[in-house]
Amino acid sequence: MERKTEAQWLLDHKHINSIMIHNRSAGLQKIYMFLDFDGVVNVFVTPDEEEYQRIQNEGKFEFFSRPCIARLNRFAKDFPVSIVISSSWRFGGLDYCMEYLREGGLAEHVVFSDTTSLELDGPREELIMDYLLEHPDFTGFIIFDDILMTHLRDYLVHTDPMIGWDEERDQCARKIIQKFM
């Protein structure tokens, strides 16, 4: 896959901005939430943490963080987001990803749309941009990821993989999404 040039990124940005403006002026409201798992709702634990001890005692390892998923539930209740799985977990399929998150406590009201491309394996920000250009029915978008995204930083809630979606990141996300309300 050939990488985008800076000129292509600039054109793509202008195009997605015009899509968002046009759709909002038409009265539409659809916000895509691009969700990574590892480092966002899956949090790495260390042996000195209480969660690690619980895992050791119960013998059941869970990748997901229930507090992170609870924040996702609240966010999806407060804002009209439709989740697009951008995580590498997407290769397991949308149904698998939904079932996994539901097992971690994801509420039934949370809406899923899709996954980013399963055929392309490039930088995640390119996959997200390509998804937006191929699905021009959105009025805004937000990205939750522990990977830095230079070209999409204004839409990125950048998480620490050891902490995930914490209160500070939640406040950051709420500021970003207000642009689309």
C-alpha atoms as a PDB file:
ATOM      1  CA  MET A   1       0.000   0.000   0.000  1.00  0.00           C
ATOM      2  CA  GLU A   2       1.451   3.312  -1.046  1.00  0.00           C
ATOM      3  CA  ARG A   3       1.523   5.917   1.747  1.00  0.00           C
ATOM      4  CA  LYS A   4      -0.259   9.248   1.441  1.00  0.00           C
ATOM      5  CA  THR A   5       1.778  12.349   0.716  1.00  0.00           C
ATOM      6  CA  GLU A   6       1.323  15.519   2.763  1.00  0.00           C
ATOM      7  CA  ALA A   7      -0.581  17.011  -0.185  1.00  0.00           C
ATOM      8  CA  GLN A   8      -2.952  14.016  -0.169  1.00  0.00           C
ATOM      9  CA  TRP A   9      -3.489  14.370   3.577  1.00  0.00           C
ATOM     10  CA  LEU A  10      -4.345  18.044   3.116  1.00  0.00           C
ATOM     11  CA  LEU A  11      -6.843  17.266   0.348  1.00  0.00           C
ATOM     12  CA  ASP A  12      -8.399  14.453   2.370  1.00  0.00           C
ATOM     13  CA  HIS A  13      -8.764  16.773   5.399  1.00  0.00           C
ATOM     14  CA  LYS A  14     -10.503  19.401   3.291  1.00  0.00           C
ATOM     15  CA  HIS A  15     -12.788  16.737   1.850  1.00  0.00           C
ATOM     16  CA  ILE A  16     -13.826  15.280   5.226  1.00  0.00           C
ATOM     17  CA  ASN A  17     -14.432  18.773   6.607  1.00  0.00           C
ATOM     18  CA  SER A  18     -16.712  19.569   3.668  1.00  0.00           C
ATOM     19  CA  ILE A  19     -18.541  16.252   4.203  1.00  0.00           C
ATOM     20  CA  MET A  20     -19.116  17.059   7.881  1.00  0.00           C
ATOM     21  CA  ILE A  21     -20.319  20.595   7.150  1.00  0.00           C
ATOM     22  CA  HIS A  22     -22.646  19.447   4.358  1.00  0.00           C
ATOM     23  CA  ASN A  23     -24.157  16.634   6.453  1.00  0.00           C
ATOM     24  CA  ARG A  24     -24.687  18.895   9.488  1.00  0.00           C
ATOM     25  CA  SER A  25     -26.379  21.543   7.333  1.00  0.00           C
ATOM     26  CA  ALA A  26     -28.668  18.788   5.998  1.00  0.00           C
ATOM     27  CA  GLY A  27     -29.734  18.020   9.580  1.00  0.00           C
ATOM     28  CA  LEU A  28     -27.902  14.719   9.894  1.00  0.00           C
ATOM     29  CA  GLN A  29     -26.183  13.602  13.067  1.00  0.00           C
ATOM     30  CA  LYS A  30     -23.844  10.625  12.972  1.00  0.00           C
ATOM     31  CA  ILE A  31     -20.539  10.568  14.797  1.00  0.00           C
ATOM     32  CA  TYR A  32     -18.133   7.727  14.170  1.00  0.00           C
ATOM     33  CA  MET A  33     -16.057   6.594  17.112  1.00  0.00           C
ATOM     34  CA  PHE A  34     -12.939   4.720  15.998  1.00  0.00           C
ATOM     35  CA  LEU A  35     -12.056   2.387  18.845  1.00  0.00           C
ATOM     36  CA  ASP A  36      -8.779   0.650  19.545  1.00  0.00           C
ATOM     37  CA  PHE A  37      -8.850  -2.039  22.239  1.00  0.00           C
ATOM     38  CA  ASP A  38      -5.328  -2.525  23.606  1.00  0.00           C
ATOM     39  CA  GLY A  39      -4.350   0.498  25.643  1.00  0.00           C
ATOM     40  CA  VAL A  40      -7.883   1.962  25.560  1.00  0.00           C
ATOM     41  CA  VAL A  41     -10.344  -0.594  26.996  1.00  0.00           C
ATOM     42  CA  ASN A  42      -7.745  -3.333  27.478  1.00  0.00           C
ATOM     43  CA  VAL A  43      -5.290  -2.157  30.102  1.00  0.00           C
ATOM     44  CA  PHE A  44      -2.036  -3.832  30.947  1.00  0.00           C
ATOM     45  CA  VAL A  45      -1.630  -4.708  34.616  1.00  0.00           C
ATOM     46  CA  THR A  46       1.540  -5.129  36.621  1.00  0.00           C
ATOM     47  CA  PRO A  47       2.125  -7.569  39.521  1.00  0.00           C
ATOM     48  CA  ASP A  48       1.883  -4.786  42.109  1.00  0.00           C
ATOM     49  CA  GLU A  49      -1.690  -3.859  41.126  1.00  0.00           C
ATOM     50  CA  GLU A  50      -4.848  -5.063  42.853  1.00  0.00           C
ATOM     51  CA  GLU A  51      -6.293  -6.234  39.514  1.00  0.00           C
ATOM     52  CA  TYR A  52      -3.287  -8.517  38.982  1.00  0.00           C
ATOM     53  CA  GLN A  53      -3.888 -10.094  42.386  1.00  0.00           C
ATOM     54  CA  ARG A  54      -7.567 -10.649  41.536  1.00  0.00           C
ATOM     55  CA  ILE A  55      -6.579 -12.379  38.302  1.00  0.00           C
ATOM     56  CA  GLN A  56      -4.122 -14.593  40.190  1.00  0.00           C
ATOM     57  CA  ASN A  57      -6.703 -15.498  42.857  1.00  0.00           C
ATOM     58  CA  GLU A  58      -9.585 -16.181  40.472  1.00  0.00           C
ATOM     59  CA  GLY A  59      -7.488 -17.777  37.760  1.00  0.00           C
ATOM     60  CA  LYS A  60      -9.483 -15.915  35.099  1.00  0.00           C
ATOM     61  CA  PHE A  61      -7.568 -13.434  33.010  1.00  0.00           C
ATOM     62  CA  GLU A  62      -9.518 -10.652  31.356  1.00  0.00           C
ATOM     63  CA  PHE A  63      -7.869  -8.259  28.942  1.00  0.00           C
ATOM     64  CA  PHE A  64     -10.612  -5.666  29.290  1.00  0.00           C
ATOM     65  CA  SER A  65     -10.841  -3.084  32.022  1.00  0.00           C
ATOM     66  CA  ARG A  66     -14.356  -2.844  33.385  1.00  0.00           C
ATOM     67  CA  PRO A  67     -13.883   0.816  34.480  1.00  0.00           C
ATOM     68  CA  CYS A  68     -12.754   1.732  30.927  1.00  0.00           C
ATOM     69  CA  ILE A  69     -15.747  -0.037  29.417  1.00  0.00           C
ATOM     70  CA  ALA A  70     -18.036   1.721  31.925  1.00  0.00           C
ATOM     71  CA  ARG A  71     -16.686   5.054  30.612  1.00  0.00           C
ATOM     72  CA  LEU A  72     -17.409   3.886  27.059  1.00  0.00           C
ATOM     73  CA  ASN A  73     -20.989   3.091  28.142  1.00  0.00           C
ATOM     74  CA  ARG A  74     -21.468   6.576  29.630  1.00  0.00           C
ATOM     75  CA  PHE A  75     -19.919   8.261  26.603  1.00  0.00           C
ATOM     76  CA  ALA A  76     -22.143   6.328  24.178  1.00  0.00           C
ATOM     77  CA  LYS A  77     -25.185   7.220  26.289  1.00  0.00           C
ATOM     78  CA  ASP A  78     -24.267  10.931  26.325  1.00  0.00           C
ATOM     79  CA  PHE A  79     -23.374  11.245  22.624  1.00  0.00           C
ATOM     80  CA  PRO A  80     -24.782   9.750  19.394  1.00  0.00           C
ATOM     81  CA  VAL A  81     -21.700   7.733  18.489  1.00  0.00           C
ATOM     82  CA  SER A  82     -21.502   4.721  16.244  1.00  0.00           C
ATOM     83  CA  ILE A  83     -18.446   2.562  16.919  1.00  0.00           C
ATOM     84  CA  VAL A  84     -16.081   1.500  14.174  1.00  0.00           C
ATOM     85  CA  ILE A  85     -13.497  -0.990  15.414  1.00  0.00           C
ATOM     86  CA  SER A  86     -10.072   0.202  14.274  1.00  0.00           C
ATOM     87  CA  SER A  87      -8.155  -2.136  16.596  1.00  0.00           C
ATOM     88  CA  SER A  88      -6.233  -5.096  15.212  1.00  0.00           C
ATOM     89  CA  TRP A  89      -8.875  -7.109  17.096  1.00  0.00           C
ATOM     90  CA  ARG A  90     -11.107  -6.283  14.086  1.00  0.00           C
ATOM     91  CA  PHE A  91      -9.582  -9.269  12.267  1.00  0.00           C
ATOM     92  CA  GLY A  92     -11.687 -11.455  14.571  1.00  0.00           C
ATOM     93  CA  GLY A  93     -14.789  -9.880  13.025  1.00  0.00           C
ATOM     94  CA  LEU A  94     -17.306  -7.316  14.193  1.00  0.00           C
ATOM     95  CA  ASP A  95     -19.509  -9.875  15.970  1.00  0.00           C
ATOM     96  CA  TYR A  96     -16.530 -11.212  17.915  1.00  0.00           C
ATOM     97  CA  CYS A  97     -15.491  -7.683  18.946  1.00  0.00           C
ATOM     98  CA  MET A  98     -19.021  -6.804  20.048  1.00  0.00           C
ATOM     99  CA  GLU A  99     -19.350 -10.019  22.048  1.00  0.00           C
ATOM    100  CA  TYR A 100     -15.963  -9.446  23.670  1.00  0.00           C
ATOM    101  CA  LEU A 101     -16.893  -5.909  24.765  1.00  0.00           C
ATOM    102  CA  ARG A 102     -20.333  -7.045  25.960  1.00  0.00           C
ATOM    103  CA  GLU A 103     -18.619  -9.695  28.104  1.00  0.00           C
ATOM    104  CA  GLY A 104     -16.630  -6.839  29.655  1.00  0.00           C
ATOM    105  CA  GLY A 105     -19.818  -4.975  30.534  1.00  0.00           C
ATOM    106  CA  LEU A 106     -20.648  -2.983  27.413  1.00  0.00           C
ATOM    107  CA  ALA A 107     -24.298  -1.902  27.498  1.00  0.00           C
ATOM    108  CA  GLU A 108     -26.859  -2.914  24.893  1.00  0.00           C
ATOM    109  CA  HIS A 109     -27.516   0.734  23.927  1.00  0.00           C
ATOM    110  CA  VAL A 110     -24.024   1.084  22.446  1.00  0.00           C
ATOM    111  CA  VAL A 111     -24.213   1.168  18.641  1.00  0.00           C
ATOM    112  CA  PHE A 112     -21.710  -0.494  16.327  1.00  0.00           C
ATOM    113  CA  SER A 113     -21.272   0.293  12.643  1.00  0.00           C
ATOM    114  CA  ASP A 114     -18.367  -1.616  11.253  1.00  0.00           C
ATOM    115  CA  THR A 115     -14.628  -2.217  11.315  1.00  0.00           C
ATOM    116  CA  THR A 116     -11.982  -0.442   9.329  1.00  0.00           C
ATOM    117  CA  SER A 117     -10.749  -2.377   6.318  1.00  0.00           C
ATOM    118  CA  LEU A 118      -9.764  -5.999   6.800  1.00  0.00           C
ATOM    119  CA  GLU A 119      -7.914  -6.048   3.492  1.00  0.00           C
ATOM    120  CA  LEU A 120      -5.624  -3.101   4.003  1.00  0.00           C
ATOM    121  CA  ASP A 121      -2.867  -3.218   6.528  1.00  0.00           C
ATOM    122  CA  GLY A 122      -1.343   0.221   6.705  1.00  0.00           C
ATOM    123  CA  PRO A 123      -0.973   2.895   9.342  1.00  0.00           C
ATOM    124  CA  ARG A 124      -4.136   3.085  11.411  1.00  0.00           C
ATOM    125  CA  GLU A 125      -4.693   6.775  10.664  1.00  0.00           C
ATOM    126  CA  GLU A 126      -4.723   6.009   6.935  1.00  0.00           C
ATOM    127  CA  LEU A 127      -7.245   3.214   7.474  1.00  0.00           C
ATOM    128  CA  ILE A 128      -9.438   5.626   9.436  1.00  0.00           C
ATOM    129  CA  MET A 129      -9.183   8.354   6.804  1.00  0.00           C
ATOM    130  CA  ASP A 130      -9.974   5.844   4.052  1.00  0.00           C
ATOM    131  CA  TYR A 131     -12.993   4.619   6.019  1.00  0.00           C
ATOM    132  CA  LEU A 132     -14.323   8.166   6.364  1.00  0.00           C
ATOM    133  CA  LEU A 133     -13.884   8.861   2.658  1.00  0.00           C
ATOM    134  CA  GLU A 134     -15.654   5.601   1.771  1.00  0.00           C
ATOM    135  CA  HIS A 135     -18.545   6.233   4.212  1.00  0.00           C
ATOM    136  CA  PRO A 136     -19.472   9.919   3.777  1.00  0.00           C
ATOM    137  CA  ASP A 137     -22.544   9.796   6.036  1.00  0.00           C
ATOM    138  CA  PHE A 138     -20.920  11.277   9.166  1.00  0.00           C
ATOM    139  CA  THR A 139     -21.140  14.635  10.872  1.00  0.00           C
ATOM    140  CA  GLY A 140     -18.104  14.119  13.073  1.00  0.00           C
ATOM    141  CA  PHE A 141     -15.629  11.550  14.300  1.00  0.00           C
ATOM    142  CA  ILE A 142     -13.435  10.804  17.271  1.00  0.00           C
ATOM    143  CA  ILE A 143     -10.598   8.330  17.713  1.00  0.00           C
ATOM    144  CA  PHE A 144      -9.621   6.464  20.893  1.00  0.00           C
ATOM    145  CA  ASP A 145      -6.146   4.987  20.538  1.00  0.00           C
ATOM    146  CA  ASP A 146      -2.798   4.661  22.277  1.00  0.00           C
ATOM    147  CA  ILE A 147      -1.006   5.242  18.966  1.00  0.00           C
ATOM    148  CA  LEU A 148      -0.105   8.816  18.086  1.00  0.00           C
ATOM    149  CA  MET A 149      -1.706  10.030  14.855  1.00  0.00           C
ATOM    150  CA  THR A 150      -0.012  13.100  13.459  1.00  0.00           C
ATOM    151  CA  HIS A 151      -2.560  13.878  10.766  1.00  0.00           C
ATOM    152  CA  LEU A 152      -5.669  13.192  12.865  1.00  0.00           C
ATOM    153  CA  ARG A 153      -4.488  14.557  16.219  1.00  0.00           C
ATOM    154  CA  ASP A 154      -7.408  17.021  16.496  1.00  0.00           C
ATOM    155  CA  TYR A 155      -9.788  14.053  16.659  1.00  0.00           C
ATOM    156  CA  LEU A 156      -7.601  11.757  18.770  1.00  0.00           C
ATOM    157  CA  VAL A 157      -8.046  10.846  22.404  1.00  0.00           C
ATOM    158  CA  HIS A 158      -4.547   9.524  23.019  1.00  0.00           C
ATOM    159  CA  THR A 159      -4.446   7.034  25.885  1.00  0.00           C
ATOM    160  CA  ASP A 160      -1.662   5.642  28.029  1.00  0.00           C
ATOM    161  CA  PRO A 161      -1.636   1.833  27.535  1.00  0.00           C
ATOM    162  CA  MET A 162      -1.046   1.296  31.263  1.00  0.00           C
ATOM    163  CA  ILE A 163      -4.090   3.400  32.193  1.00  0.00           C
ATOM    164  CA  GLY A 164      -6.487   3.298  29.240  1.00  0.00           C
ATOM    165  CA  TRP A 165      -9.646   5.383  29.097  1.00  0.00           C
ATOM    166  CA  ASP A 166      -9.421   7.252  32.402  1.00  0.00           C
ATOM    167  CA  GLU A 167     -11.288  10.341  33.640  1.00  0.00           C
ATOM    168  CA  GLU A 168      -8.733  12.725  32.123  1.00  0.00           C
ATOM    169  CA  ARG A 169      -9.085  11.112  28.690  1.00  0.00           C
ATOM    170  CA  ASP A 170     -12.860  11.120  29.103  1.00  0.00           C
ATOM    171  CA  GLN A 171     -12.829  14.899  29.625  1.00  0.00           C
ATOM    172  CA  CYS A 172     -10.591  15.301  26.568  1.00  0.00           C
ATOM    173  CA  ALA A 173     -13.041  13.228  24.499  1.00  0.00           C
ATOM    174  CA  ARG A 174     -15.990  15.308  25.643  1.00  0.00           C
ATOM    175  CA  LYS A 175     -14.219  18.487  24.516  1.00  0.00           C
ATOM    176  CA  ILE A 176     -13.457  17.008  21.101  1.00  0.00           C
ATOM    177  CA  ILE A 177     -16.978  15.752  20.515  1.00  0.00           C
ATOM    178  CA  GLN A 178     -18.587  19.072  21.459  1.00  0.00           C
ATOM    179  CA  LYS A 179     -17.342  20.384  18.094  1.00  0.00           C
ATOM    180  CA  PHE A 180     -19.874  18.125  16.405  1.00  0.00           C
ATOM    181  CA  MET A 181     -22.927  18.813  18.564  1.00  0.00           C
END
